[in-house]
Amino acid sequence: MLYLNGGLWEDRQLISESWVTESTSKHILRRDIPGMYYGYQWWVHEDGLIAAVGFGGQILMLIPEYDLIVLFNNYHNEEDGFQMETPWRLLDTFIIPAIVK
């Protein structure tokens, strides 16, 4: 919520808004994942989605357009491409359509 609110928490600016913007900006293009960039410890998609990706498929997704936070506590190995893509498929197939309706 802190990042969705520009660093603001209960009327206190805990992180500067400029740092939130800078750290979630597109700095490095990831050529093997279309539309995906890297900020400062954040993955940033060209459609506005911001994600922190942890070991084994733990993913924190921020979707500012919908004021939405989605967390996946997943585990897979790098050879299991289908499982690795599951959180993104669930987001696109079920979560976003449910919000839009």
Protein backbone atom coordinates (compact mmCIF):
# COMPACT_ATOMS: atom_id res chain seq x y z
CA MET A 1 0.00 0.00 0.00
CA LEU A 2 2.90 2.29 0.75
CA TYR A 3 4.04 2.28 -2.88
CA LEU A 4 0.51 2.55 -4.27
CA ASN A 5 0.06 5.65 -2.10
CA GLY A 6 3.27 7.33 -3.28
CA GLY A 7 5.15 6.61 -0.04
CA LEU A 8 2.37 7.95 2.18
CA TRP A 9 1.14 5.94 5.18
CA GLU A 10 -1.57 7.26 7.52
CA ASP A 11 -0.85 10.89 6.61
CA ARG A 12 2.92 10.43 7.07
CA GLN A 13 5.38 10.49 4.18
CA LEU A 14 7.55 7.45 5.04
CA ILE A 15 9.24 7.21 1.64
CA SER A 16 9.64 10.22 -0.60
CA GLU A 17 7.25 10.24 -3.52
CA SER A 18 10.18 10.97 -5.83
CA TRP A 19 11.91 7.74 -4.70
CA VAL A 20 8.75 5.71 -5.26
CA THR A 21 8.55 7.13 -8.77
CA GLU A 22 12.27 6.67 -9.50
CA SER A 23 12.47 3.12 -8.12
CA THR A 24 9.43 1.96 -10.10
CA SER A 25 10.50 3.63 -13.34
CA LYS A 26 11.66 1.65 -16.39
CA HIS A 27 15.47 1.61 -16.31
CA ILE A 28 16.56 -1.59 -18.05
CA LEU A 29 14.63 -3.41 -20.79
CA ARG A 30 14.38 -7.17 -20.28
CA ARG A 31 14.67 -8.41 -23.84
CA ASP A 32 13.52 -11.98 -23.13
CA ILE A 33 10.20 -10.87 -21.56
CA PRO A 34 8.19 -8.60 -23.88
CA GLY A 35 7.20 -5.30 -22.31
CA MET A 36 9.10 -5.93 -19.05
CA TYR A 37 11.68 -3.54 -17.59
CA TYR A 38 13.67 -3.44 -14.40
CA GLY A 39 13.59 -0.49 -12.02
CA TYR A 40 15.36 -0.46 -8.67
CA GLN A 41 14.43 -3.84 -7.17
CA TRP A 42 11.08 -3.71 -8.99
CA TRP A 43 9.98 -5.27 -12.27
CA VAL A 44 7.94 -2.79 -14.28
CA HIS A 45 5.66 -3.75 -17.16
CA GLU A 46 4.83 -1.28 -19.90
CA ASP A 47 1.13 -1.60 -19.01
CA GLY A 48 1.78 -0.18 -15.52
CA LEU A 49 2.05 -3.35 -13.44
CA ILE A 50 4.86 -3.26 -10.88
CA ALA A 51 6.18 -6.48 -9.32
CA ALA A 52 8.65 -7.72 -6.76
CA VAL A 53 9.68 -11.29 -7.57
CA GLY A 54 11.16 -13.58 -4.97
CA PHE A 55 12.66 -17.04 -4.84
CA GLY A 56 10.63 -19.89 -6.30
CA GLY A 57 7.79 -17.80 -7.64
CA GLN A 58 6.82 -15.56 -4.74
CA ILE A 59 5.42 -12.50 -6.45
CA LEU A 60 4.02 -9.23 -5.13
CA MET A 61 2.13 -7.39 -7.87
CA LEU A 62 0.99 -3.78 -7.69
CA ILE A 63 -1.54 -2.66 -10.28
CA PRO A 64 -1.96 1.10 -9.74
CA GLU A 65 -4.70 1.39 -12.37
CA TYR A 66 -7.01 -0.69 -10.13
CA ASP A 67 -5.47 0.27 -6.76
CA LEU A 68 -4.77 -3.45 -6.44
CA ILE A 69 -2.19 -5.59 -4.67
CA VAL A 70 -1.94 -9.28 -5.54
CA LEU A 71 0.39 -11.68 -3.77
CA PHE A 72 1.30 -15.18 -4.93
CA ASN A 73 3.12 -17.53 -2.60
CA ASN A 74 4.22 -20.09 -5.14
CA TYR A 75 7.06 -22.56 -5.48
CA HIS A 76 8.57 -23.94 -8.65
CA ASN A 77 11.93 -24.68 -10.13
CA GLU A 78 13.27 -22.80 -13.13
CA GLU A 79 12.74 -25.78 -15.44
CA ASP A 80 8.97 -25.67 -14.85
CA GLY A 81 8.00 -22.86 -17.23
CA PHE A 82 4.26 -23.58 -16.99
CA GLN A 83 4.26 -23.23 -13.21
CA MET A 84 6.48 -20.15 -13.43
CA GLU A 85 3.90 -18.41 -15.65
CA THR A 86 0.86 -19.43 -13.57
CA PRO A 87 0.58 -16.27 -11.42
CA TRP A 88 0.64 -14.05 -14.52
CA ARG A 89 -1.98 -16.24 -16.24
CA LEU A 90 -4.24 -16.14 -13.16
CA LEU A 91 -3.93 -12.36 -13.04
CA ASP A 92 -4.82 -11.93 -16.72
CA THR A 93 -7.46 -14.67 -16.92
CA PHE A 94 -9.36 -14.31 -13.65
CA ILE A 95 -8.33 -11.46 -11.35
CA ILE A 96 -8.29 -8.46 -13.71
CA PRO A 97 -11.49 -9.54 -15.55
CA ALA A 98 -13.26 -9.94 -12.19
CA ILE A 99 -12.29 -6.41 -11.19
CA VAL A 100 -13.25 -4.88 -14.51
CA LYS A 101 -16.74 -6.41 -14.34
